C-alpha cells in the first residue's frame, strides 16, 4: 500500500454515514444492523463449522461453500463493526491509514469472492456435465489451487486498486458520504482531476466483474444444454435447485458491486450509494447461508447433526 500522508493535508476522514439521522433513527438502525450482523456471523460461522468438520460434507461444493462463508465473515467484519460504533458515538473520524486499510481489505475480499463465485459455477458444470469423472476433475488439489487463486488475485488486485485510489494527495473536503471508505467516494476527494483514477477503477471493475461473469454464464449455458439434452427428467428438480441457489447469490452480489464500481460518477450520490453498499456489505453475506441451506436437505441434516454433537458434548461435560 502506498503511503501518501506526507503529501496530503488530510490526515483523517469523517464517515458521514447516518450522521444526519435523528438519535431515535440511529438507535433503531443500530439495533437492526447489530441483529443482522449477529445473524450473519452466526449463520456463516455455522456453515464454516459444519462444512469443515462434518465428514459427510466432503464434496467440492461444500468445500467452496465453506470458503465463501469465510469470505463473507471477513467482509462484514471489515465494515459493519465500525458502522455500529459510529451509530452510537459522536466522533465519526477514521485515520488516513485506517481508511486505506479498510479499503484494501474490502478490495481483497470482494475480488476474491467474485473469483470464487465463478469457480463455484464451474464446479456445478463439472458435477452435472461430467458426473463420472467429477471427483477427478475437482480433486482436493484442484480445489485448493482454485481457492488459492481467488485469494492471490484478490491480494494483487487489492494492491493495484489501493494505489489507484491513493495515488493523488488529499487536500480537499474529508467528508466521506458513506459508512465506510468506499473507493469511488474517496477518490473524488483527492486533489487534482480524479477522472483518470475513476476510469482505471471502472476498467478494473469491468475486468474483475465481467470476466467471472463470462465463466458463470458459459458454465450455466453448458449445464442448461446438458439438462435439456437428456431424455429423462429425473433429477431436474435437484439440479435446478442447486443452480438456482448459486445464481441467486451471484445476482445479489454482482448487481450491487456493478452499481458501485461500474457506474459513471454522475449517477452516484449518498442516497444512491448507501443502499447498494448495505446490500453487498451486510445483506448479501447474511442471505448467502440462508439461500444455500434453504431446501438443501443434506445441509439441513448436517446442521441437525452439529447441534446434536454440541448438546451431547455439553451433557457429557456436566
C-alpha atoms as a PDB file:
ATOM      1  CA  UNK A   1       0.000   0.000   0.000  1.00  0.00           C
ATOM      2  CA  UNK A   2       1.166   3.488  -0.792  1.00  0.00           C
ATOM      3  CA  UNK A   3       1.817   5.982   1.964  1.00  0.00           C
ATOM      4  CA  UNK A   4       0.990   9.494   0.772  1.00  0.00           C
ATOM      5  CA  UNK A   5       0.365  11.069   4.121  1.00  0.00           C
ATOM      6  CA  UNK A   6       3.387  13.385   3.812  1.00  0.00           C
ATOM      7  CA  UNK A   7       1.989  14.961   0.630  1.00  0.00           C
ATOM      8  CA  UNK A   8      -1.573  15.196   1.933  1.00  0.00           C
ATOM      9  CA  UNK A   9      -3.026  17.843   4.190  1.00  0.00           C
ATOM     10  CA  UNK A  10      -5.863  15.467   5.065  1.00  0.00           C
ATOM     11  CA  UNK A  11      -4.839  13.225   7.960  1.00  0.00           C
ATOM     12  CA  UNK A  12      -8.244  11.755   8.719  1.00  0.00           C
ATOM     13  CA  UNK A  13     -11.626  11.199   7.117  1.00  0.00           C
ATOM     14  CA  UNK A  14     -15.109  11.745   8.501  1.00  0.00           C
ATOM     15  CA  UNK A  15     -17.543   8.983   7.642  1.00  0.00           C
ATOM     16  CA  UNK A  16     -20.848  10.792   7.309  1.00  0.00           C
ATOM     17  CA  UNK A  17     -22.867   7.582   7.116  1.00  0.00           C
ATOM     18  CA  UNK A  18     -26.070   8.120   9.069  1.00  0.00           C
ATOM     19  CA  UNK A  19     -24.775  11.199  10.900  1.00  0.00           C
ATOM     20  CA  UNK A  20     -27.719  13.359   9.848  1.00  0.00           C
ATOM     21  CA  UNK A  21     -30.294  10.895  11.173  1.00  0.00           C
ATOM     22  CA  UNK A  22     -32.124  11.619  14.412  1.00  0.00           C
ATOM     23  CA  UNK A  23     -30.979   9.901  17.639  1.00  0.00           C
ATOM     24  CA  UNK A  24     -34.076   7.699  17.579  1.00  0.00           C
ATOM     25  CA  UNK A  25     -33.366   6.644  13.984  1.00  0.00           C
ATOM     26  CA  UNK A  26     -29.729   5.893  14.773  1.00  0.00           C
ATOM     27  CA  UNK A  27     -30.788   3.793  17.769  1.00  0.00           C
ATOM     28  CA  UNK A  28     -33.185   1.864  15.566  1.00  0.00           C
ATOM     29  CA  UNK A  29     -30.537   1.379  12.878  1.00  0.00           C
ATOM     30  CA  UNK A  30     -28.005   0.244  15.479  1.00  0.00           C
ATOM     31  CA  UNK A  31     -30.407  -2.385  16.791  1.00  0.00           C
ATOM     32  CA  UNK A  32     -31.297  -3.541  13.290  1.00  0.00           C
ATOM     33  CA  UNK A  33     -27.739  -3.740  11.953  1.00  0.00           C
ATOM     34  CA  UNK A  34     -26.440  -5.351  15.132  1.00  0.00           C
ATOM     35  CA  UNK A  35     -29.101  -8.056  14.798  1.00  0.00           C
ATOM     36  CA  UNK A  36     -28.289  -8.553  11.104  1.00  0.00           C
ATOM     37  CA  UNK A  37     -24.556  -8.644  11.825  1.00  0.00           C
ATOM     38  CA  UNK A  38     -25.007 -11.169  14.616  1.00  0.00           C
ATOM     39  CA  UNK A  39     -27.278 -13.292  12.430  1.00  0.00           C
ATOM     40  CA  UNK A  40     -24.838 -13.190   9.506  1.00  0.00           C
ATOM     41  CA  UNK A  41     -21.900 -14.116  11.745  1.00  0.00           C
ATOM     42  CA  UNK A  42     -23.817 -16.959  13.391  1.00  0.00           C
ATOM     43  CA  UNK A  43     -25.115 -18.466  10.142  1.00  0.00           C
ATOM     44  CA  UNK A  44     -21.841 -18.163   8.238  1.00  0.00           C
ATOM     45  CA  UNK A  45     -19.943 -19.450  11.256  1.00  0.00           C
ATOM     46  CA  UNK A  46     -22.245 -22.469  11.411  1.00  0.00           C
ATOM     47  CA  UNK A  47     -21.702 -23.228   7.724  1.00  0.00           C
ATOM     48  CA  UNK A  48     -17.920 -22.909   8.158  1.00  0.00           C
ATOM     49  CA  UNK A  49     -18.055 -25.268  11.122  1.00  0.00           C
ATOM     50  CA  UNK A  50     -20.179 -27.982   9.535  1.00  0.00           C
ATOM     51  CA  UNK A  51     -18.520 -27.902   6.109  1.00  0.00           C
ATOM     52  CA  UNK A  52     -15.058 -28.149   7.660  1.00  0.00           C
ATOM     53  CA  UNK A  53     -15.874 -30.751  10.346  1.00  0.00           C
ATOM     54  CA  UNK A  54     -18.690 -32.960   9.005  1.00  0.00           C
ATOM     55  CA  UNK A  55     -17.108 -35.856   7.040  1.00  0.00           C
ATOM     56  CA  UNK A  56     -20.333 -36.346   5.066  1.00  0.00           C
ATOM     57  CA  UNK A  57     -19.969 -32.901   3.523  1.00  0.00           C
ATOM     58  CA  UNK A  58     -16.753 -33.727   1.715  1.00  0.00           C
ATOM     59  CA  UNK A  59     -17.880 -32.822  -1.811  1.00  0.00           C
ATOM     60  CA  UNK A  60     -16.255 -29.887  -3.651  1.00  0.00           C
ATOM     61  CA  UNK A  61     -19.492 -27.875  -3.498  1.00  0.00           C
ATOM     62  CA  UNK A  62     -19.395 -27.733   0.300  1.00  0.00           C
ATOM     63  CA  UNK A  63     -15.649 -27.078   0.267  1.00  0.00           C
ATOM     64  CA  UNK A  64     -16.265 -23.928  -1.791  1.00  0.00           C
ATOM     65  CA  UNK A  65     -19.329 -23.019   0.273  1.00  0.00           C
ATOM     66  CA  UNK A  66     -17.272 -23.080   3.470  1.00  0.00           C
ATOM     67  CA  UNK A  67     -14.712 -20.726   1.949  1.00  0.00           C
ATOM     68  CA  UNK A  68     -17.478 -18.450   0.638  1.00  0.00           C
ATOM     69  CA  UNK A  69     -18.855 -18.168   4.169  1.00  0.00           C
ATOM     70  CA  UNK A  70     -15.367 -17.401   5.465  1.00  0.00           C
ATOM     71  CA  UNK A  71     -15.045 -14.589   2.913  1.00  0.00           C
ATOM     72  CA  UNK A  72     -18.456 -13.254   3.975  1.00  0.00           C
ATOM     73  CA  UNK A  73     -17.362 -13.219   7.616  1.00  0.00           C
ATOM     74  CA  UNK A  74     -14.219 -11.284   6.668  1.00  0.00           C
ATOM     75  CA  UNK A  75     -16.215  -8.853   4.548  1.00  0.00           C
ATOM     76  CA  UNK A  76     -18.857  -7.894   7.099  1.00  0.00           C
ATOM     77  CA  UNK A  77     -16.262  -7.674   9.875  1.00  0.00           C
ATOM     78  CA  UNK A  78     -14.297  -5.180   7.789  1.00  0.00           C
ATOM     79  CA  UNK A  79     -17.168  -2.684   7.540  1.00  0.00           C
ATOM     80  CA  UNK A  80     -20.088  -3.300   9.900  1.00  0.00           C
ATOM     81  CA  UNK A  81     -18.488  -3.085  13.403  1.00  0.00           C
ATOM     82  CA  UNK A  82     -17.127   0.378  12.580  1.00  0.00           C
ATOM     83  CA  UNK A  83     -20.557   1.473  11.352  1.00  0.00           C
ATOM     84  CA  UNK A  84     -22.171   0.217  14.572  1.00  0.00           C
ATOM     85  CA  UNK A  85     -19.684   2.193  16.655  1.00  0.00           C
ATOM     86  CA  UNK A  86     -20.333   5.367  14.646  1.00  0.00           C
ATOM     87  CA  UNK A  87     -24.072   4.974  15.207  1.00  0.00           C
ATOM     88  CA  UNK A  88     -23.616   5.382  18.968  1.00  0.00           C
ATOM     89  CA  UNK A  89     -20.671   7.811  19.248  1.00  0.00           C
ATOM     90  CA  UNK A  90     -20.350  11.406  18.090  1.00  0.00           C
ATOM     91  CA  UNK A  91     -16.814  11.068  16.702  1.00  0.00           C
ATOM     92  CA  UNK A  92     -17.077   9.609  13.193  1.00  0.00           C
ATOM     93  CA  UNK A  93     -13.465  10.148  12.155  1.00  0.00           C
ATOM     94  CA  UNK A  94     -11.070   7.472  10.892  1.00  0.00           C
ATOM     95  CA  UNK A  95      -7.364   7.948  10.349  1.00  0.00           C
ATOM     96  CA  UNK A  96      -5.804   8.070   6.893  1.00  0.00           C
ATOM     97  CA  UNK A  97      -4.121   4.697   7.457  1.00  0.00           C
ATOM     98  CA  UNK A  98      -7.325   3.123   8.806  1.00  0.00           C
ATOM     99  CA  UNK A  99      -9.217   4.260   5.724  1.00  0.00           C
ATOM    100  CA  UNK A 100      -6.521   2.815   3.459  1.00  0.00           C
ATOM    101  CA  UNK A 101      -6.507  -0.464   5.355  1.00  0.00           C
ATOM    102  CA  UNK A 102     -10.266  -0.822   5.285  1.00  0.00           C
ATOM    103  CA  UNK A 103     -10.431  -0.071   1.573  1.00  0.00           C
ATOM    104  CA  UNK A 104      -7.694  -2.604   0.838  1.00  0.00           C
ATOM    105  CA  UNK A 105      -9.475  -5.328   2.805  1.00  0.00           C
ATOM    106  CA  UNK A 106     -12.747  -4.586   1.016  1.00  0.00           C
ATOM    107  CA  UNK A 107     -10.937  -4.862  -2.328  1.00  0.00           C
ATOM    108  CA  UNK A 108      -9.154  -8.064  -1.318  1.00  0.00           C
ATOM    109  CA  UNK A 109     -12.200  -9.920  -0.028  1.00  0.00           C
ATOM    110  CA  UNK A 110     -14.600  -8.555  -2.637  1.00  0.00           C
ATOM    111  CA  UNK A 111     -12.384  -9.547  -5.586  1.00  0.00           C
ATOM    112  CA  UNK A 112     -11.664 -12.960  -4.051  1.00  0.00           C
ATOM    113  CA  UNK A 113     -15.410 -13.566  -3.683  1.00  0.00           C
ATOM    114  CA  UNK A 114     -16.026 -12.611  -7.330  1.00  0.00           C
ATOM    115  CA  UNK A 115     -13.457 -15.172  -8.469  1.00  0.00           C
ATOM    116  CA  UNK A 116     -14.700 -17.834  -6.054  1.00  0.00           C
ATOM    117  CA  UNK A 117     -18.308 -17.484  -7.287  1.00  0.00           C
ATOM    118  CA  UNK A 118     -17.054 -18.155 -10.823  1.00  0.00           C
ATOM    119  CA  UNK A 119     -15.176 -21.260  -9.687  1.00  0.00           C
ATOM    120  CA  UNK A 120     -18.328 -22.458  -7.913  1.00  0.00           C
ATOM    121  CA  UNK A 121     -20.229 -22.169 -11.215  1.00  0.00           C
ATOM    122  CA  UNK A 122     -17.509 -24.229 -12.904  1.00  0.00           C
ATOM    123  CA  UNK A 123     -17.834 -26.793 -10.098  1.00  0.00           C
ATOM    124  CA  UNK A 124     -21.579 -27.131 -10.820  1.00  0.00           C
ATOM    125  CA  UNK A 125     -20.793 -27.506 -14.527  1.00  0.00           C
ATOM    126  CA  UNK A 126     -18.287 -30.304 -13.847  1.00  0.00           C
ATOM    127  CA  UNK A 127     -20.666 -32.077 -11.445  1.00  0.00           C
ATOM    128  CA  UNK A 128     -23.658 -32.021 -13.809  1.00  0.00           C
ATOM    129  CA  UNK A 129     -21.999 -32.440 -17.202  1.00  0.00           C
ATOM    130  CA  UNK A 130     -19.243 -34.874 -16.186  1.00  0.00           C
ATOM    131  CA  UNK A 131     -20.629 -36.810 -13.188  1.00  0.00           C
ATOM    132  CA  UNK A 132     -18.470 -39.919 -13.743  1.00  0.00           C
ATOM    133  CA  UNK A 133     -15.165 -38.042 -13.745  1.00  0.00           C
ATOM    134  CA  UNK A 134     -16.263 -35.243 -11.380  1.00  0.00           C
ATOM    135  CA  UNK A 135     -14.122 -36.367  -8.445  1.00  0.00           C
ATOM    136  CA  UNK A 136     -11.028 -36.435 -10.673  1.00  0.00           C
ATOM    137  CA  UNK A 137     -11.768 -33.047 -12.264  1.00  0.00           C
ATOM    138  CA  UNK A 138     -12.409 -31.367  -8.923  1.00  0.00           C
ATOM    139  CA  UNK A 139      -9.853 -33.203  -6.804  1.00  0.00           C
ATOM    140  CA  UNK A 140      -8.808 -31.743  -3.472  1.00  0.00           C
ATOM    141  CA  UNK A 141      -5.578 -30.443  -5.010  1.00  0.00           C
ATOM    142  CA  UNK A 142      -7.539 -28.627  -7.728  1.00  0.00           C
ATOM    143  CA  UNK A 143      -9.966 -27.169  -5.181  1.00  0.00           C
ATOM    144  CA  UNK A 144      -7.146 -25.829  -3.014  1.00  0.00           C
ATOM    145  CA  UNK A 145      -5.482 -24.281  -6.063  1.00  0.00           C
ATOM    146  CA  UNK A 146      -8.720 -22.608  -7.162  1.00  0.00           C
ATOM    147  CA  UNK A 147      -9.362 -21.122  -3.714  1.00  0.00           C
ATOM    148  CA  UNK A 148      -5.720 -20.045  -3.504  1.00  0.00           C
ATOM    149  CA  UNK A 149      -6.027 -18.389  -6.915  1.00  0.00           C
ATOM    150  CA  UNK A 150      -9.038 -16.404  -5.715  1.00  0.00           C
ATOM    151  CA  UNK A 151      -7.128 -15.157  -2.646  1.00  0.00           C
ATOM    152  CA  UNK A 152      -3.936 -14.358  -4.588  1.00  0.00           C
ATOM    153  CA  UNK A 153      -5.859 -12.481  -7.265  1.00  0.00           C
ATOM    154  CA  UNK A 154      -7.627 -10.528  -4.509  1.00  0.00           C
ATOM    155  CA  UNK A 155      -4.319  -9.676  -2.836  1.00  0.00           C
ATOM    156  CA  UNK A 156      -2.668  -8.476  -6.047  1.00  0.00           C
ATOM    157  CA  UNK A 157      -5.685  -6.634  -7.392  1.00  0.00           C
ATOM    158  CA  UNK A 158      -6.213  -5.010  -3.989  1.00  0.00           C
ATOM    159  CA  UNK A 159      -2.705  -3.518  -4.119  1.00  0.00           C
ATOM    160  CA  UNK A 160      -3.364  -2.173  -7.618  1.00  0.00           C
ATOM    161  CA  UNK A 161      -6.703  -0.631  -6.642  1.00  0.00           C
ATOM    162  CA  UNK A 162      -5.196   0.801  -3.464  1.00  0.00           C
ATOM    163  CA  UNK A 163      -2.512   2.541  -5.492  1.00  0.00           C
ATOM    164  CA  UNK A 164      -5.101   3.956  -7.879  1.00  0.00           C
ATOM    165  CA  UNK A 165      -7.263   5.241  -5.045  1.00  0.00           C
ATOM    166  CA  UNK A 166      -4.444   6.975  -3.146  1.00  0.00           C
ATOM    167  CA  UNK A 167      -2.033   7.994  -5.907  1.00  0.00           C
ATOM    168  CA  UNK A 168      -3.094  11.645  -5.540  1.00  0.00           C
ATOM    169  CA  UNK A 169      -2.701  13.629  -2.293  1.00  0.00           C
ATOM    170  CA  UNK A 170      -5.784  14.682  -0.356  1.00  0.00           C
ATOM    171  CA  UNK A 171      -6.262  18.354   0.439  1.00  0.00           C
ATOM    172  CA  UNK A 172      -9.996  18.869  -0.103  1.00  0.00           C
ATOM    173  CA  UNK A 173     -13.069  18.092   1.926  1.00  0.00           C
ATOM    174  CA  UNK A 174     -12.543  14.976   4.063  1.00  0.00           C
ATOM    175  CA  UNK A 175     -16.228  14.057   4.474  1.00  0.00           C
ATOM    176  CA  UNK A 176     -16.941  10.586   3.039  1.00  0.00           C
ATOM    177  CA  UNK A 177     -20.623  10.274   2.178  1.00  0.00           C
ATOM    178  CA  UNK A 178     -20.913   6.658   3.273  1.00  0.00           C
ATOM    179  CA  UNK A 179     -20.496   4.461   6.351  1.00  0.00           C
ATOM    180  CA  UNK A 180     -17.127   3.063   5.224  1.00  0.00           C
ATOM    181  CA  UNK A 181     -14.243   4.120   2.971  1.00  0.00           C
ATOM    182  CA  UNK A 182     -15.530   3.157  -0.456  1.00  0.00           C
ATOM    183  CA  UNK A 183     -13.132   3.856  -3.338  1.00  0.00           C
ATOM    184  CA  UNK A 184     -15.318   5.860  -5.770  1.00  0.00           C
ATOM    185  CA  UNK A 185     -16.412   8.197  -2.976  1.00  0.00           C
ATOM    186  CA  UNK A 186     -12.921   8.686  -1.521  1.00  0.00           C
ATOM    187  CA  UNK A 187     -11.210   9.257  -4.881  1.00  0.00           C
ATOM    188  CA  UNK A 188     -13.263  12.364  -5.694  1.00  0.00           C
ATOM    189  CA  UNK A 189     -11.912  13.976  -2.510  1.00  0.00           C
ATOM    190  CA  UNK A 190      -8.320  13.891  -3.803  1.00  0.00           C
ATOM    191  CA  UNK A 191      -6.536  16.904  -5.255  1.00  0.00           C
ATOM    192  CA  UNK A 192      -6.308  17.418  -8.980  1.00  0.00           C
ATOM    193  CA  UNK A 193      -8.506  15.670 -11.512  1.00  0.00           C
ATOM    194  CA  UNK A 194      -9.796  12.333 -10.177  1.00  0.00           C
ATOM    195  CA  UNK A 195     -11.206  11.286 -13.570  1.00  0.00           C
ATOM    196  CA  UNK A 196      -8.129   9.236 -14.526  1.00  0.00           C
ATOM    197  CA  UNK A 197      -8.323   7.251 -11.287  1.00  0.00           C
ATOM    198  CA  UNK A 198     -12.075   6.770 -11.736  1.00  0.00           C
ATOM    199  CA  UNK A 199     -11.521   5.458 -15.265  1.00  0.00           C
ATOM    200  CA  UNK A 200      -8.918   2.974 -14.019  1.00  0.00           C
ATOM    201  CA  UNK A 201     -11.309   1.836 -11.290  1.00  0.00           C
ATOM    202  CA  UNK A 202     -14.010   1.390 -13.921  1.00  0.00           C
ATOM    203  CA  UNK A 203     -11.721  -0.628 -16.216  1.00  0.00           C
ATOM    204  CA  UNK A 204     -10.533  -2.810 -13.357  1.00  0.00           C
ATOM    205  CA  UNK A 205     -14.095  -3.389 -12.125  1.00  0.00           C
ATOM    206  CA  UNK A 206     -15.160  -4.283 -15.650  1.00  0.00           C
ATOM    207  CA  UNK A 207     -12.428  -6.915 -15.925  1.00  0.00           C
ATOM    208  CA  UNK A 208     -12.862  -8.266 -12.385  1.00  0.00           C
ATOM    209  CA  UNK A 209     -16.660  -8.450 -12.547  1.00  0.00           C
ATOM    210  CA  UNK A 210     -17.335  -9.301 -16.188  1.00  0.00           C
ATOM    211  CA  UNK A 211     -14.571 -11.909 -16.642  1.00  0.00           C
ATOM    212  CA  UNK A 212     -16.004 -14.180 -13.906  1.00  0.00           C
ATOM    213  CA  UNK A 213     -19.478 -13.460 -15.290  1.00  0.00           C
ATOM    214  CA  UNK A 214     -18.378 -14.887 -18.656  1.00  0.00           C
ATOM    215  CA  UNK A 215     -17.290 -18.112 -16.930  1.00  0.00           C
ATOM    216  CA  UNK A 216     -20.521 -18.230 -14.936  1.00  0.00           C
ATOM    217  CA  UNK A 217     -22.735 -17.670 -17.990  1.00  0.00           C
ATOM    218  CA  UNK A 218     -20.747 -20.188 -20.058  1.00  0.00           C
ATOM    219  CA  UNK A 219     -20.958 -22.797 -17.271  1.00  0.00           C
ATOM    220  CA  UNK A 220     -24.716 -22.440 -16.890  1.00  0.00           C
ATOM    221  CA  UNK A 221     -25.256 -22.407 -20.647  1.00  0.00           C
ATOM    222  CA  UNK A 222     -23.492 -25.778 -20.836  1.00  0.00           C
ATOM    223  CA  UNK A 223     -25.465 -27.016 -17.837  1.00  0.00           C
ATOM    224  CA  UNK A 224     -28.747 -25.974 -19.449  1.00  0.00           C
ATOM    225  CA  UNK A 225     -27.775 -27.622 -22.696  1.00  0.00           C
ATOM    226  CA  UNK A 226     -26.827 -30.823 -20.889  1.00  0.00           C
ATOM    227  CA  UNK A 227     -30.100 -30.930 -18.941  1.00  0.00           C
ATOM    228  CA  UNK A 228     -32.291 -30.235 -21.961  1.00  0.00           C
ATOM    229  CA  UNK A 229     -30.439 -32.882 -23.946  1.00  0.00           C
ATOM    230  CA  UNK A 230     -31.402 -35.620 -21.531  1.00  0.00           C
ATOM    231  CA  UNK A 231     -34.394 -37.754 -22.377  1.00  0.00           C
ATOM    232  CA  UNK A 232     -35.227 -38.368 -18.719  1.00  0.00           C
ATOM    233  CA  UNK A 233     -36.421 -35.568 -16.484  1.00  0.00           C
ATOM    234  CA  UNK A 234     -35.298 -37.306 -13.281  1.00  0.00           C
ATOM    235  CA  UNK A 235     -33.031 -35.141 -11.185  1.00  0.00           C
ATOM    236  CA  UNK A 236     -34.065 -31.919 -12.914  1.00  0.00           C
ATOM    237  CA  UNK A 237     -35.568 -30.523  -9.719  1.00  0.00           C
ATOM    238  CA  UNK A 238     -32.425 -31.116  -7.648  1.00  0.00           C
ATOM    239  CA  UNK A 239     -30.191 -29.723 -10.387  1.00  0.00           C
ATOM    240  CA  UNK A 240     -32.240 -26.555 -10.804  1.00  0.00           C
ATOM    241  CA  UNK A 241     -32.477 -26.109  -7.029  1.00  0.00           C
ATOM    242  CA  UNK A 242     -28.694 -26.294  -6.597  1.00  0.00           C
ATOM    243  CA  UNK A 243     -28.000 -23.980  -9.538  1.00  0.00           C
ATOM    244  CA  UNK A 244     -30.722 -21.519  -8.502  1.00  0.00           C
ATOM    245  CA  UNK A 245     -29.071 -21.058  -5.098  1.00  0.00           C
ATOM    246  CA  UNK A 246     -25.751 -20.115  -6.667  1.00  0.00           C
ATOM    247  CA  UNK A 247     -27.350 -17.883  -9.299  1.00  0.00           C
ATOM    248  CA  UNK A 248     -29.310 -16.005  -6.625  1.00  0.00           C
ATOM    249  CA  UNK A 249     -26.106 -15.274  -4.707  1.00  0.00           C
ATOM    250  CA  UNK A 250     -24.375 -14.173  -7.928  1.00  0.00           C
ATOM    251  CA  UNK A 251     -27.205 -11.792  -8.851  1.00  0.00           C
ATOM    252  CA  UNK A 252     -27.267 -10.197  -5.373  1.00  0.00           C
ATOM    253  CA  UNK A 253     -23.509  -9.690  -5.178  1.00  0.00           C
ATOM    254  CA  UNK A 254     -22.733  -8.709  -8.766  1.00  0.00           C
ATOM    255  CA  UNK A 255     -25.649  -6.291  -9.149  1.00  0.00           C
ATOM    256  CA  UNK A 256     -24.687  -4.227  -6.106  1.00  0.00           C
ATOM    257  CA  UNK A 257     -20.947  -4.343  -6.934  1.00  0.00           C
ATOM    258  CA  UNK A 258     -21.542  -3.281 -10.543  1.00  0.00           C
ATOM    259  CA  UNK A 259     -23.653  -0.329  -9.447  1.00  0.00           C
ATOM    260  CA  UNK A 260     -20.987   0.838  -7.001  1.00  0.00           C
ATOM    261  CA  UNK A 261     -17.930   0.474  -9.251  1.00  0.00           C
ATOM    262  CA  UNK A 262     -19.102   0.453 -12.880  1.00  0.00           C
ATOM    263  CA  UNK A 263     -21.477   3.436 -12.945  1.00  0.00           C
ATOM    264  CA  UNK A 264     -20.466   6.949 -14.033  1.00  0.00           C
ATOM    265  CA  UNK A 265     -19.687   9.229 -11.099  1.00  0.00           C
ATOM    266  CA  UNK A 266     -22.603  11.498 -12.060  1.00  0.00           C
ATOM    267  CA  UNK A 267     -25.090   8.766 -11.193  1.00  0.00           C
ATOM    268  CA  UNK A 268     -23.737   8.387  -7.654  1.00  0.00           C
ATOM    269  CA  UNK A 269     -24.942  10.136  -4.552  1.00  0.00           C
ATOM    270  CA  UNK A 270     -25.365   9.492  -0.827  1.00  0.00           C
ATOM    271  CA  UNK A 271     -28.960   8.310  -1.239  1.00  0.00           C
ATOM    272  CA  UNK A 272     -27.973   6.007  -4.105  1.00  0.00           C
ATOM    273  CA  UNK A 273     -24.658   4.646  -2.807  1.00  0.00           C
ATOM    274  CA  UNK A 274     -25.681   3.661   0.712  1.00  0.00           C
ATOM    275  CA  UNK A 275     -28.441   1.164  -0.181  1.00  0.00           C
ATOM    276  CA  UNK A 276     -26.160  -0.727  -2.577  1.00  0.00           C
ATOM    277  CA  UNK A 277     -23.253  -0.559  -0.116  1.00  0.00           C
ATOM    278  CA  UNK A 278     -25.518  -2.071   2.527  1.00  0.00           C
ATOM    279  CA  UNK A 279     -26.682  -4.714   0.067  1.00  0.00           C
ATOM    280  CA  UNK A 280     -23.258  -6.172  -0.689  1.00  0.00           C
ATOM    281  CA  UNK A 281     -21.674  -5.428   2.710  1.00  0.00           C
ATOM    282  CA  UNK A 282     -24.262  -6.986   5.039  1.00  0.00           C
ATOM    283  CA  UNK A 283     -27.443  -8.188   3.276  1.00  0.00           C
ATOM    284  CA  UNK A 284     -25.678 -10.478   0.796  1.00  0.00           C
ATOM    285  CA  UNK A 285     -23.350 -12.079   3.414  1.00  0.00           C
ATOM    286  CA  UNK A 286     -26.396 -12.660   5.616  1.00  0.00           C
ATOM    287  CA  UNK A 287     -28.502 -14.114   2.793  1.00  0.00           C
ATOM    288  CA  UNK A 288     -25.825 -16.433   1.383  1.00  0.00           C
ATOM    289  CA  UNK A 289     -26.119 -19.121   4.093  1.00  0.00           C
ATOM    290  CA  UNK A 290     -29.927 -18.874   4.011  1.00  0.00           C
ATOM    291  CA  UNK A 291     -30.010 -19.274   0.233  1.00  0.00           C
ATOM    292  CA  UNK A 292     -27.639 -22.235   0.234  1.00  0.00           C
ATOM    293  CA  UNK A 293     -29.127 -24.056   3.223  1.00  0.00           C
ATOM    294  CA  UNK A 294     -32.783 -23.428   2.381  1.00  0.00           C
ATOM    295  CA  UNK A 295     -34.195 -26.503   0.573  1.00  0.00           C
ATOM    296  CA  UNK A 296     -30.795 -28.229   0.856  1.00  0.00           C
ATOM    297  CA  UNK A 297     -31.666 -31.399   2.742  1.00  0.00           C
ATOM    298  CA  UNK A 298     -28.058 -32.530   3.108  1.00  0.00           C
ATOM    299  CA  UNK A 299     -27.074 -29.185   4.643  1.00  0.00           C
ATOM    300  CA  UNK A 300     -30.083 -29.249   6.983  1.00  0.00           C
ATOM    301  CA  UNK A 301     -29.223 -32.755   8.140  1.00  0.00           C
ATOM    302  CA  UNK A 302     -25.630 -31.678   8.758  1.00  0.00           C
ATOM    303  CA  UNK A 303     -26.879 -28.776  10.901  1.00  0.00           C
ATOM    304  CA  UNK A 304     -29.019 -31.168  12.945  1.00  0.00           C
ATOM    305  CA  UNK A 305     -26.006 -33.458  13.456  1.00  0.00           C
ATOM    306  CA  UNK A 306     -23.906 -30.484  14.544  1.00  0.00           C
ATOM    307  CA  UNK A 307     -26.496 -29.411  17.134  1.00  0.00           C
ATOM    308  CA  UNK A 308     -26.758 -32.979  18.416  1.00  0.00           C
ATOM    309  CA  UNK A 309     -22.976 -33.231  18.799  1.00  0.00           C
ATOM    310  CA  UNK A 310     -22.946 -29.921  20.664  1.00  0.00           C
ATOM    311  CA  UNK A 311     -25.747 -30.989  23.007  1.00  0.00           C
ATOM    312  CA  UNK A 312     -24.077 -34.332  23.612  1.00  0.00           C
ATOM    313  CA  UNK A 313     -20.761 -32.673  24.429  1.00  0.00           C
ATOM    314  CA  UNK A 314     -22.492 -30.289  26.836  1.00  0.00           C
ATOM    315  CA  UNK A 315     -24.305 -33.188  28.528  1.00  0.00           C
ATOM    316  CA  UNK A 316     -21.067 -35.133  28.953  1.00  0.00           C
ATOM    317  CA  UNK A 317     -19.293 -32.119  30.453  1.00  0.00           C
ATOM    318  CA  UNK A 318     -21.964 -31.672  33.141  1.00  0.00           C
END
